[in-house]
Amino acid sequence: MKYLRKLENNDASNMLEWMHDPNVNCNFRVDFSKMTLDDVKDFIQNSLDEKNQHFAIVDEKNEYMGTISLKNINRTDNNAEYAIVTRAVAHGKGFALEATKEILNYAFNELKLHKVYLNVLEENIRANKFYEKCGFRFEGMSKEFLYINGKYHNLNWYAVEDNCSKITN
């Protein structure tokens, strides 16, 4: 089953749902709570280009469940940054895992990238475990790298290369 498609304007209200959900966006350095419907529609209109490709994660009814992205696509070094966020209703239902399989397949087999990397707050244990399950390998930590809500946070770095993208079950 295909879990990814291009973002569409009718996804905007569901995107805004996670952006305004403090339990979902508490682990991001960007304050999405100030985003408006017009901001989201502008993002959707510019969601696919050579440097950044953002896709909708959808369920079997084609309903938007989240966004998964390859950002900062670098054709010189053949790498890109991975990012994912899902609505609370999608948590624990396997959408993120299936979407990650699809986007890594796309990154390595269609875009012919060598490496996909990500960074995540050290204290976001759930996300760290998920990325490891998806085959990303811990590459290091940047200590006190981000200043969020009056506190410094460590940032973990993970990556997966095209020859080792095996998702564990």
N, C-alpha and C. Protein backbone atom coordinates (compact mmCIF):
# COMPACT_ATOMS: atom_id res chain seq x y z
N MET A 1 0.84 -1.19 0.00
CA MET A 1 0.00 0.00 0.00
C MET A 1 0.87 1.25 0.00
N LYS A 2 0.48 2.20 -0.74
CA LYS A 2 1.24 3.44 -0.84
C LYS A 2 0.78 4.43 0.23
N TYR A 3 1.73 4.91 1.01
CA TYR A 3 1.42 5.81 2.12
C TYR A 3 1.83 7.26 1.85
N LEU A 4 2.47 7.52 0.73
CA LEU A 4 2.93 8.88 0.44
C LEU A 4 2.27 9.42 -0.82
N ARG A 5 2.03 10.72 -0.81
CA ARG A 5 1.56 11.44 -1.99
C ARG A 5 1.96 12.89 -1.84
N LYS A 6 1.79 13.66 -2.89
CA LYS A 6 2.05 15.10 -2.82
C LYS A 6 1.08 15.74 -1.82
N LEU A 7 1.56 16.76 -1.15
CA LEU A 7 0.69 17.54 -0.27
C LEU A 7 -0.35 18.27 -1.11
N GLU A 8 -1.55 18.38 -0.58
CA GLU A 8 -2.65 19.06 -1.27
C GLU A 8 -3.24 20.12 -0.35
N ASN A 9 -3.88 21.13 -0.94
CA ASN A 9 -4.47 22.20 -0.13
C ASN A 9 -5.48 21.68 0.89
N ASN A 10 -6.19 20.59 0.57
CA ASN A 10 -7.16 20.08 1.53
C ASN A 10 -6.50 19.41 2.73
N ASP A 11 -5.17 19.28 2.75
CA ASP A 11 -4.43 18.77 3.91
C ASP A 11 -4.19 19.85 4.96
N ALA A 12 -4.39 21.10 4.58
CA ALA A 12 -3.98 22.23 5.42
C ALA A 12 -4.57 22.21 6.83
N SER A 13 -5.85 21.93 6.96
CA SER A 13 -6.45 21.97 8.31
C SER A 13 -5.90 20.85 9.19
N ASN A 14 -5.63 19.68 8.62
CA ASN A 14 -5.05 18.59 9.41
C ASN A 14 -3.58 18.86 9.73
N MET A 15 -2.88 19.56 8.86
CA MET A 15 -1.51 19.97 9.18
C MET A 15 -1.53 20.94 10.35
N LEU A 16 -2.45 21.87 10.29
CA LEU A 16 -2.56 22.86 11.36
C LEU A 16 -2.88 22.19 12.69
N GLU A 17 -3.58 21.05 12.66
CA GLU A 17 -3.91 20.31 13.89
C GLU A 17 -2.65 19.93 14.65
N TRP A 18 -1.66 19.29 13.97
CA TRP A 18 -0.45 18.92 14.70
C TRP A 18 0.39 20.14 15.05
N MET A 19 0.35 21.16 14.20
CA MET A 19 1.13 22.36 14.48
C MET A 19 0.66 23.06 15.75
N HIS A 20 -0.62 22.95 16.05
CA HIS A 20 -1.18 23.60 17.23
C HIS A 20 -1.33 22.64 18.40
N ASP A 21 -0.85 21.41 18.26
CA ASP A 21 -0.91 20.42 19.33
C ASP A 21 0.39 20.47 20.12
N PRO A 22 0.37 20.98 21.35
CA PRO A 22 1.61 21.12 22.13
C PRO A 22 2.28 19.78 22.43
N ASN A 23 1.52 18.69 22.46
CA ASN A 23 2.11 17.36 22.71
C ASN A 23 2.87 16.84 21.50
N VAL A 24 2.55 17.34 20.32
CA VAL A 24 3.24 16.93 19.10
C VAL A 24 4.42 17.86 18.82
N ASN A 25 4.20 19.15 18.89
CA ASN A 25 5.24 20.09 18.46
C ASN A 25 6.21 20.52 19.56
N CYS A 26 6.13 19.90 20.74
CA CYS A 26 7.02 20.30 21.84
C CYS A 26 8.48 19.93 21.59
N ASN A 27 8.75 19.06 20.64
CA ASN A 27 10.12 18.63 20.37
C ASN A 27 10.75 19.33 19.17
N PHE A 28 10.12 20.39 18.69
CA PHE A 28 10.65 21.12 17.54
C PHE A 28 11.21 22.46 17.97
N ARG A 29 12.20 22.92 17.24
CA ARG A 29 12.77 24.23 17.57
C ARG A 29 11.97 25.36 16.96
N VAL A 30 11.13 25.05 15.97
CA VAL A 30 10.27 26.05 15.35
C VAL A 30 8.96 26.09 16.12
N ASP A 31 8.46 27.28 16.37
CA ASP A 31 7.18 27.43 17.07
C ASP A 31 6.06 27.41 16.03
N PHE A 32 5.50 26.22 15.80
CA PHE A 32 4.45 26.06 14.81
C PHE A 32 3.10 26.57 15.29
N SER A 33 2.97 26.85 16.58
CA SER A 33 1.67 27.26 17.12
C SER A 33 1.18 28.59 16.55
N LYS A 34 2.07 29.36 15.97
CA LYS A 34 1.69 30.65 15.39
C LYS A 34 1.30 30.54 13.91
N MET A 35 1.41 29.34 13.34
CA MET A 35 1.08 29.15 11.94
C MET A 35 -0.42 29.33 11.70
N THR A 36 -0.75 29.92 10.56
CA THR A 36 -2.14 30.11 10.17
C THR A 36 -2.46 29.20 8.98
N LEU A 37 -3.73 29.11 8.64
CA LEU A 37 -4.15 28.32 7.49
C LEU A 37 -3.48 28.83 6.22
N ASP A 38 -3.35 30.14 6.06
CA ASP A 38 -2.68 30.70 4.89
C ASP A 38 -1.20 30.34 4.86
N ASP A 39 -0.53 30.34 6.03
CA ASP A 39 0.87 29.93 6.11
C ASP A 39 1.03 28.49 5.63
N VAL A 40 0.14 27.63 6.08
CA VAL A 40 0.21 26.21 5.71
C VAL A 40 -0.04 26.04 4.22
N LYS A 41 -1.00 26.74 3.67
CA LYS A 41 -1.28 26.65 2.23
C LYS A 41 -0.09 27.14 1.41
N ASP A 42 0.58 28.18 1.87
CA ASP A 42 1.80 28.65 1.19
C ASP A 42 2.88 27.57 1.23
N PHE A 43 3.04 26.91 2.38
CA PHE A 43 4.01 25.82 2.50
C PHE A 43 3.68 24.71 1.50
N ILE A 44 2.42 24.33 1.43
CA ILE A 44 1.99 23.26 0.53
C ILE A 44 2.31 23.63 -0.92
N GLN A 45 2.05 24.87 -1.31
CA GLN A 45 2.31 25.30 -2.69
C GLN A 45 3.79 25.22 -3.06
N ASN A 46 4.66 25.31 -2.06
CA ASN A 46 6.11 25.28 -2.30
C ASN A 46 6.76 24.03 -1.72
N SER A 47 6.01 22.93 -1.67
CA SER A 47 6.49 21.75 -0.95
C SER A 47 7.40 20.83 -1.76
N LEU A 48 7.49 21.03 -3.05
CA LEU A 48 8.33 20.16 -3.88
C LEU A 48 9.23 20.99 -4.78
N ASP A 49 10.53 20.93 -4.53
CA ASP A 49 11.49 21.52 -5.44
C ASP A 49 12.78 20.71 -5.37
N GLU A 50 13.83 21.17 -6.00
CA GLU A 50 15.07 20.39 -6.05
C GLU A 50 15.76 20.27 -4.70
N LYS A 51 15.56 21.24 -3.80
CA LYS A 51 16.24 21.25 -2.50
C LYS A 51 15.43 20.62 -1.37
N ASN A 52 14.12 20.72 -1.44
CA ASN A 52 13.24 20.25 -0.38
C ASN A 52 12.02 19.56 -0.97
N GLN A 53 11.74 18.36 -0.48
CA GLN A 53 10.59 17.61 -0.96
C GLN A 53 9.80 17.10 0.23
N HIS A 54 8.61 17.66 0.39
CA HIS A 54 7.73 17.34 1.51
C HIS A 54 6.52 16.58 0.96
N PHE A 55 6.18 15.45 1.58
CA PHE A 55 5.08 14.61 1.14
C PHE A 55 4.08 14.42 2.27
N ALA A 56 2.83 14.14 1.88
CA ALA A 56 1.80 13.77 2.84
C ALA A 56 1.92 12.29 3.14
N ILE A 57 1.78 11.95 4.40
CA ILE A 57 1.59 10.56 4.83
C ILE A 57 0.08 10.39 4.92
N VAL A 58 -0.45 9.36 4.25
CA VAL A 58 -1.90 9.19 4.21
C VAL A 58 -2.31 7.79 4.64
N ASP A 59 -3.57 7.69 5.08
CA ASP A 59 -4.12 6.39 5.44
C ASP A 59 -4.79 5.77 4.21
N GLU A 60 -5.48 4.65 4.41
CA GLU A 60 -6.11 3.94 3.29
C GLU A 60 -7.24 4.74 2.65
N LYS A 61 -7.75 5.77 3.34
CA LYS A 61 -8.80 6.63 2.78
C LYS A 61 -8.22 7.91 2.17
N ASN A 62 -6.89 7.97 2.08
CA ASN A 62 -6.18 9.13 1.54
C ASN A 62 -6.26 10.35 2.46
N GLU A 63 -6.56 10.13 3.75
CA GLU A 63 -6.60 11.22 4.71
C GLU A 63 -5.19 11.53 5.20
N TYR A 64 -4.87 12.80 5.29
CA TYR A 64 -3.57 13.26 5.75
C TYR A 64 -3.33 12.83 7.19
N MET A 65 -2.19 12.14 7.42
CA MET A 65 -1.80 11.70 8.76
C MET A 65 -0.54 12.40 9.25
N GLY A 66 0.23 13.00 8.33
CA GLY A 66 1.46 13.68 8.71
C GLY A 66 2.25 14.10 7.49
N THR A 67 3.42 14.62 7.76
CA THR A 67 4.32 15.07 6.70
C THR A 67 5.66 14.39 6.87
N ILE A 68 6.23 13.95 5.77
CA ILE A 68 7.58 13.36 5.77
C ILE A 68 8.37 14.09 4.69
N SER A 69 9.64 14.35 4.97
CA SER A 69 10.40 15.23 4.09
C SER A 69 11.83 14.77 3.87
N LEU A 70 12.34 15.13 2.72
CA LEU A 70 13.77 15.16 2.44
C LEU A 70 14.10 16.63 2.23
N LYS A 71 14.93 17.17 3.12
CA LYS A 71 15.25 18.59 3.09
C LYS A 71 16.73 18.77 2.80
N ASN A 72 17.08 19.96 2.37
CA ASN A 72 18.48 20.30 2.11
C ASN A 72 19.14 19.26 1.21
N ILE A 73 18.44 18.86 0.15
CA ILE A 73 18.99 17.86 -0.78
C ILE A 73 20.24 18.43 -1.43
N ASN A 74 21.33 17.72 -1.26
CA ASN A 74 22.64 18.17 -1.72
C ASN A 74 23.10 17.22 -2.83
N ARG A 75 23.10 17.69 -4.05
CA ARG A 75 23.48 16.87 -5.19
C ARG A 75 24.99 16.72 -5.33
N THR A 76 25.76 17.59 -4.73
CA THR A 76 27.22 17.45 -4.75
C THR A 76 27.65 16.27 -3.89
N ASP A 77 27.09 16.20 -2.67
CA ASP A 77 27.46 15.15 -1.73
C ASP A 77 26.47 13.99 -1.70
N ASN A 78 25.37 14.13 -2.46
CA ASN A 78 24.33 13.10 -2.55
C ASN A 78 23.77 12.71 -1.19
N ASN A 79 23.33 13.73 -0.44
CA ASN A 79 22.69 13.47 0.83
C ASN A 79 21.51 14.41 1.03
N ALA A 80 20.70 14.09 2.03
CA ALA A 80 19.55 14.92 2.36
C ALA A 80 19.18 14.70 3.82
N GLU A 81 18.50 15.67 4.39
CA GLU A 81 18.01 15.58 5.77
C GLU A 81 16.59 15.02 5.76
N TYR A 82 16.34 14.06 6.63
CA TYR A 82 15.03 13.45 6.80
C TYR A 82 14.28 14.15 7.92
N ALA A 83 12.98 14.31 7.75
CA ALA A 83 12.14 14.85 8.82
C ALA A 83 10.76 14.21 8.72
N ILE A 84 10.12 14.04 9.85
CA ILE A 84 8.78 13.45 9.89
C ILE A 84 8.01 14.01 11.06
N VAL A 85 6.71 14.20 10.87
CA VAL A 85 5.80 14.55 11.95
C VAL A 85 4.44 13.95 11.60
N THR A 86 3.77 13.43 12.61
CA THR A 86 2.44 12.87 12.39
C THR A 86 1.45 13.48 13.39
N ARG A 87 0.20 13.48 12.98
CA ARG A 87 -0.88 13.91 13.86
C ARG A 87 -1.02 12.91 15.00
N ALA A 88 -1.55 13.34 16.11
CA ALA A 88 -1.72 12.46 17.28
C ALA A 88 -2.56 11.24 16.94
N VAL A 89 -3.57 11.38 16.07
CA VAL A 89 -4.43 10.24 15.72
C VAL A 89 -3.68 9.15 14.97
N ALA A 90 -2.51 9.47 14.43
CA ALA A 90 -1.72 8.50 13.67
C ALA A 90 -0.69 7.78 14.53
N HIS A 91 -0.45 8.25 15.73
CA HIS A 91 0.59 7.67 16.58
C HIS A 91 0.29 6.21 16.91
N GLY A 92 1.32 5.38 16.77
CA GLY A 92 1.20 3.98 17.13
C GLY A 92 0.48 3.11 16.11
N LYS A 93 0.21 3.63 14.93
CA LYS A 93 -0.56 2.87 13.93
C LYS A 93 0.28 2.40 12.75
N GLY A 94 1.58 2.66 12.78
CA GLY A 94 2.47 2.17 11.73
C GLY A 94 2.65 3.07 10.53
N PHE A 95 1.95 4.19 10.49
CA PHE A 95 2.07 5.10 9.35
C PHE A 95 3.50 5.64 9.19
N ALA A 96 4.11 6.02 10.30
CA ALA A 96 5.45 6.60 10.24
C ALA A 96 6.46 5.59 9.73
N LEU A 97 6.36 4.35 10.18
CA LEU A 97 7.28 3.31 9.75
C LEU A 97 7.14 3.04 8.25
N GLU A 98 5.92 2.87 7.79
CA GLU A 98 5.69 2.60 6.37
C GLU A 98 6.12 3.78 5.50
N ALA A 99 5.82 4.99 5.95
CA ALA A 99 6.21 6.19 5.20
C ALA A 99 7.73 6.32 5.14
N THR A 100 8.40 5.96 6.23
CA THR A 100 9.86 6.02 6.26
C THR A 100 10.45 5.02 5.27
N LYS A 101 9.90 3.82 5.22
CA LYS A 101 10.36 2.84 4.23
C LYS A 101 10.24 3.41 2.82
N GLU A 102 9.09 4.02 2.54
CA GLU A 102 8.85 4.57 1.20
C GLU A 102 9.80 5.72 0.87
N ILE A 103 10.00 6.62 1.82
CA ILE A 103 10.84 7.78 1.49
C ILE A 103 12.31 7.39 1.38
N LEU A 104 12.76 6.40 2.16
CA LEU A 104 14.14 5.94 2.01
C LEU A 104 14.32 5.21 0.67
N ASN A 105 13.33 4.45 0.27
CA ASN A 105 13.38 3.81 -1.04
C ASN A 105 13.46 4.87 -2.14
N TYR A 106 12.65 5.90 -2.03
CA TYR A 106 12.66 7.01 -2.98
C TYR A 106 14.02 7.72 -2.97
N ALA A 107 14.55 7.98 -1.78
CA ALA A 107 15.83 8.69 -1.66
C ALA A 107 16.96 7.92 -2.33
N PHE A 108 17.03 6.62 -2.08
CA PHE A 108 18.15 5.83 -2.57
C PHE A 108 17.96 5.31 -3.99
N ASN A 109 16.75 4.94 -4.36
CA ASN A 109 16.53 4.32 -5.66
C ASN A 109 16.11 5.28 -6.76
N GLU A 110 15.43 6.37 -6.39
CA GLU A 110 15.02 7.34 -7.41
C GLU A 110 15.93 8.56 -7.43
N LEU A 111 16.19 9.13 -6.26
CA LEU A 111 17.07 10.31 -6.21
C LEU A 111 18.55 9.92 -6.25
N LYS A 112 18.83 8.64 -6.02
CA LYS A 112 20.20 8.11 -6.03
C LYS A 112 21.10 8.78 -5.00
N LEU A 113 20.52 9.06 -3.82
CA LEU A 113 21.31 9.64 -2.74
C LEU A 113 22.19 8.56 -2.10
N HIS A 114 23.26 9.01 -1.48
CA HIS A 114 24.16 8.10 -0.76
C HIS A 114 23.80 8.02 0.72
N LYS A 115 23.37 9.15 1.29
CA LYS A 115 23.13 9.21 2.74
C LYS A 115 21.91 10.08 3.03
N VAL A 116 21.14 9.64 4.03
CA VAL A 116 20.04 10.43 4.56
C VAL A 116 20.31 10.57 6.06
N TYR A 117 20.24 11.78 6.57
CA TYR A 117 20.59 12.05 7.96
C TYR A 117 19.45 12.79 8.66
N LEU A 118 19.53 12.83 9.97
CA LEU A 118 18.55 13.56 10.76
C LEU A 118 19.18 13.98 12.07
N ASN A 119 18.52 14.91 12.74
CA ASN A 119 18.90 15.25 14.11
C ASN A 119 17.65 15.29 14.95
N VAL A 120 17.81 14.96 16.24
CA VAL A 120 16.68 14.85 17.15
C VAL A 120 17.16 15.19 18.55
N LEU A 121 16.29 15.78 19.34
CA LEU A 121 16.65 16.08 20.71
C LEU A 121 16.97 14.78 21.46
N GLU A 122 18.03 14.82 22.23
CA GLU A 122 18.45 13.63 22.99
C GLU A 122 17.32 13.13 23.89
N GLU A 123 16.58 14.05 24.52
CA GLU A 123 15.56 13.63 25.47
C GLU A 123 14.29 13.08 24.80
N ASN A 124 14.21 13.15 23.47
CA ASN A 124 13.06 12.60 22.77
C ASN A 124 13.30 11.09 22.54
N ILE A 125 13.19 10.34 23.62
CA ILE A 125 13.53 8.91 23.62
C ILE A 125 12.71 8.14 22.60
N ARG A 126 11.42 8.42 22.53
CA ARG A 126 10.53 7.72 21.60
C ARG A 126 11.03 7.88 20.16
N ALA A 127 11.38 9.09 19.77
CA ALA A 127 11.86 9.33 18.41
C ALA A 127 13.21 8.67 18.18
N ASN A 128 14.11 8.77 19.13
CA ASN A 128 15.43 8.14 18.99
C ASN A 128 15.28 6.65 18.73
N LYS A 129 14.41 5.98 19.49
CA LYS A 129 14.19 4.54 19.31
C LYS A 129 13.57 4.25 17.95
N PHE A 130 12.64 5.09 17.52
CA PHE A 130 12.00 4.91 16.22
C PHE A 130 13.04 5.00 15.09
N TYR A 131 13.90 5.99 15.14
CA TYR A 131 14.89 6.16 14.07
C TYR A 131 15.85 4.97 14.02
N GLU A 132 16.23 4.47 15.17
CA GLU A 132 17.09 3.28 15.20
C GLU A 132 16.37 2.07 14.61
N LYS A 133 15.09 1.93 14.91
CA LYS A 133 14.29 0.85 14.34
C LYS A 133 14.23 0.96 12.82
N CYS A 134 14.25 2.17 12.31
CA CYS A 134 14.20 2.42 10.87
C CYS A 134 15.54 2.24 10.17
N GLY A 135 16.57 1.89 10.92
CA GLY A 135 17.87 1.65 10.31
C GLY A 135 18.85 2.80 10.39
N PHE A 136 18.42 3.92 10.96
CA PHE A 136 19.34 5.03 11.14
C PHE A 136 20.32 4.66 12.25
N ARG A 137 21.59 5.02 12.04
CA ARG A 137 22.62 4.73 13.03
C ARG A 137 23.08 6.02 13.71
N PHE A 138 23.24 5.93 15.01
CA PHE A 138 23.71 7.07 15.79
C PHE A 138 25.11 7.44 15.34
N GLU A 139 25.32 8.71 15.00
CA GLU A 139 26.64 9.16 14.55
C GLU A 139 27.31 10.09 15.54
N GLY A 140 26.56 10.65 16.47
CA GLY A 140 27.17 11.52 17.45
C GLY A 140 26.18 12.48 18.07
N MET A 141 26.68 13.25 19.02
CA MET A 141 25.84 14.21 19.73
C MET A 141 26.51 15.58 19.73
N SER A 142 25.69 16.59 19.53
CA SER A 142 26.13 17.97 19.71
C SER A 142 25.58 18.42 21.06
N LYS A 143 26.50 18.64 22.01
CA LYS A 143 26.09 19.01 23.37
C LYS A 143 25.60 20.46 23.42
N GLU A 144 24.52 20.66 24.17
CA GLU A 144 23.94 21.98 24.38
C GLU A 144 23.88 22.77 23.08
N PHE A 145 23.34 22.15 22.06
CA PHE A 145 23.33 22.70 20.70
C PHE A 145 22.17 23.65 20.45
N LEU A 146 21.02 23.35 21.06
CA LEU A 146 19.83 24.16 20.82
C LEU A 146 19.36 24.81 22.12
N TYR A 147 18.90 26.03 21.99
CA TYR A 147 18.33 26.76 23.13
C TYR A 147 16.83 26.87 22.90
N ILE A 148 16.05 26.11 23.68
CA ILE A 148 14.61 26.07 23.52
C ILE A 148 13.97 26.30 24.87
N ASN A 149 13.03 27.24 24.92
CA ASN A 149 12.28 27.54 26.14
C ASN A 149 13.19 27.76 27.35
N GLY A 150 14.25 28.52 27.15
CA GLY A 150 15.11 28.90 28.25
C GLY A 150 16.10 27.84 28.72
N LYS A 151 16.30 26.82 27.90
CA LYS A 151 17.18 25.72 28.31
C LYS A 151 17.96 25.20 27.10
N TYR A 152 19.22 24.81 27.33
CA TYR A 152 20.03 24.20 26.28
C TYR A 152 19.73 22.71 26.19
N HIS A 153 19.73 22.20 24.97
CA HIS A 153 19.41 20.79 24.72
C HIS A 153 20.48 20.14 23.85
N ASN A 154 20.77 18.88 24.14
CA ASN A 154 21.68 18.09 23.31
C ASN A 154 20.93 17.60 22.08
N LEU A 155 21.67 17.50 20.98
CA LEU A 155 21.09 17.08 19.70
C LEU A 155 21.80 15.82 19.22
N ASN A 156 21.04 14.74 19.02
CA ASN A 156 21.60 13.49 18.48
C ASN A 156 21.53 13.52 16.97
N TRP A 157 22.57 12.99 16.34
CA TRP A 157 22.65 12.91 14.89
C TRP A 157 22.63 11.44 14.47
N TYR A 158 21.80 11.14 13.49
CA TYR A 158 21.66 9.79 12.94
C TYR A 158 21.78 9.86 11.43
N ALA A 159 22.15 8.72 10.82
CA ALA A 159 22.20 8.65 9.35
C ALA A 159 22.03 7.21 8.91
N VAL A 160 21.63 7.07 7.67
CA VAL A 160 21.55 5.77 7.02
C VAL A 160 22.10 5.95 5.61
N GLU A 161 22.87 4.96 5.16
CA GLU A 161 23.44 5.02 3.81
C GLU A 161 22.66 4.07 2.91
N ASP A 162 22.81 4.28 1.60
CA ASP A 162 22.03 3.51 0.64
C ASP A 162 22.30 2.01 0.69
N ASN A 163 23.44 1.60 1.19
CA ASN A 163 23.75 0.17 1.23
C ASN A 163 23.37 -0.50 2.55
N CYS A 164 22.73 0.26 3.47
CA CYS A 164 22.43 -0.35 4.76
C CYS A 164 21.08 0.10 5.30
N SER A 165 20.15 0.43 4.43
CA SER A 165 18.85 0.94 4.91
C SER A 165 17.89 -0.23 5.16
N LYS A 166 18.12 -0.94 6.22
CA LYS A 166 17.26 -2.07 6.60
C LYS A 166 16.46 -1.67 7.82
N ILE A 167 15.15 -1.74 7.70
CA ILE A 167 14.28 -1.43 8.82
C ILE A 167 14.03 -2.73 9.58
N THR A 168 14.24 -2.66 10.90
CA THR A 168 14.02 -3.84 11.74
C THR A 168 12.57 -3.89 12.18
N ASN A 169 12.12 -5.07 12.51
CA ASN A 169 10.73 -5.23 12.97
C ASN A 169 10.65 -5.41 14.46
